[in-house]
Amino acid sequence: MATDYSPADEAARLYARHKRHHDALADLKDPIREQAAEDLKAGATPAQLAKLTGLSDEFFRRIARAVGADRKRAPTVGREAKKKTDA
């Protein structure tokens, strides 16, 4: 492995730009989680929040489960769907 690697100027700028955006996103995760928890309890769906933010539906589904937000439909896959069919 080469230890003397140094990216070209354009590549270095691209990598630095990505790092700035990545760090900014990390700084926003907690405020996004807090706002999402409120909005999900108020009736927003994970899909709506995913579309607004570019984050995944699953990110918001996990928040919804954690805060006990009302489901808009019954689960179709996973543990909770099996509970419904076993009952």
Protein backbone atom coordinates (compact mmCIF):
# COMPACT_ATOMS: atom_id res chain seq x y z
CA MET A 1 0.00 0.00 0.00
CA ALA A 2 1.36 3.41 -0.94
CA THR A 3 1.82 5.76 1.98
CA ASP A 4 2.81 8.75 -0.13
CA TYR A 5 -0.61 9.18 -1.77
CA SER A 6 -1.80 12.70 -2.20
CA PRO A 7 -4.91 13.44 -4.27
CA ALA A 8 -4.90 15.86 -7.15
CA ASP A 9 -6.21 19.33 -6.30
CA GLU A 10 -9.62 18.70 -7.86
CA ALA A 11 -9.99 15.38 -6.02
CA ALA A 12 -8.89 16.97 -2.73
CA ARG A 13 -11.54 19.68 -3.14
CA LEU A 14 -14.19 17.07 -3.91
CA TYR A 15 -13.25 15.01 -0.84
CA ALA A 16 -13.19 18.10 1.38
CA ARG A 17 -16.59 19.16 0.08
CA HIS A 18 -18.03 15.72 0.84
CA LYS A 19 -16.57 15.79 4.35
CA ARG A 20 -18.13 19.21 5.06
CA HIS A 21 -21.54 17.93 3.95
CA HIS A 22 -21.13 14.69 5.89
CA ASP A 23 -20.20 16.59 9.06
CA ALA A 24 -23.14 18.98 8.60
CA LEU A 25 -25.51 16.02 8.20
CA ALA A 26 -24.16 14.43 11.37
CA ASP A 27 -24.83 17.70 13.22
CA LEU A 28 -28.44 17.65 12.01
CA LYS A 29 -29.29 14.03 12.93
CA ASP A 30 -30.39 14.72 16.52
CA PRO A 31 -32.55 17.75 15.66
CA ILE A 32 -34.07 15.75 12.76
CA ARG A 33 -34.87 12.85 15.11
CA GLU A 34 -36.54 15.19 17.61
CA GLN A 35 -38.61 16.98 14.97
CA ALA A 36 -39.53 13.71 13.28
CA ALA A 37 -40.73 12.25 16.57
CA GLU A 38 -43.09 15.20 17.02
CA ASP A 39 -44.29 15.11 13.42
CA LEU A 40 -44.84 11.35 13.42
CA LYS A 41 -46.92 11.60 16.60
CA ALA A 42 -48.87 14.42 14.95
CA GLY A 43 -49.75 12.23 11.96
CA ALA A 44 -46.92 12.48 9.42
CA THR A 45 -45.89 9.24 7.74
CA PRO A 46 -42.35 7.91 7.47
CA ALA A 47 -42.66 8.07 3.66
CA GLN A 48 -43.59 11.76 3.77
CA LEU A 49 -40.62 12.62 5.98
CA ALA A 50 -38.29 10.49 3.85
CA LYS A 51 -39.37 12.38 0.75
CA LEU A 52 -38.79 15.73 2.47
CA THR A 53 -35.33 14.86 3.78
CA GLY A 54 -33.82 12.30 1.45
CA LEU A 55 -33.32 9.95 4.41
CA SER A 56 -34.74 6.43 4.25
CA ASP A 57 -38.27 5.40 5.19
CA GLU A 58 -36.71 2.93 7.63
CA PHE A 59 -34.93 5.74 9.50
CA PHE A 60 -38.33 7.30 10.21
CA ARG A 61 -40.10 3.97 10.83
CA ARG A 62 -37.64 3.26 13.62
CA ILE A 63 -38.33 6.65 15.18
CA ALA A 64 -42.08 6.06 14.85
CA ARG A 65 -41.82 2.71 16.65
CA ALA A 66 -39.64 4.21 19.37
CA VAL A 67 -42.10 7.00 20.15
CA GLY A 68 -45.22 4.86 19.72
CA ALA A 69 -46.65 6.84 16.81
CA ASP A 70 -49.94 5.50 15.46
CA ARG A 71 -49.60 3.26 12.42
CA LYS A 72 -51.39 4.27 9.25
CA ARG A 73 -51.65 0.62 8.13
CA ALA A 74 -50.96 -2.81 9.56
CA PRO A 75 -47.43 -4.18 9.11
CA THR A 76 -47.03 -6.57 6.18
CA VAL A 77 -43.58 -8.01 6.92
CA GLY A 78 -41.46 -8.74 9.95
CA ARG A 79 -42.13 -9.73 13.55
CA GLU A 80 -45.26 -7.68 14.01
CA ALA A 81 -46.89 -9.02 10.85
CA LYS A 82 -46.28 -12.58 12.09
CA LYS A 83 -47.94 -11.74 15.41
CA LYS A 84 -51.11 -10.75 13.54
CA THR A 85 -51.21 -13.98 11.51
CA ASP A 86 -50.42 -16.21 14.53
CA ALA A 87 -53.22 -14.72 16.61
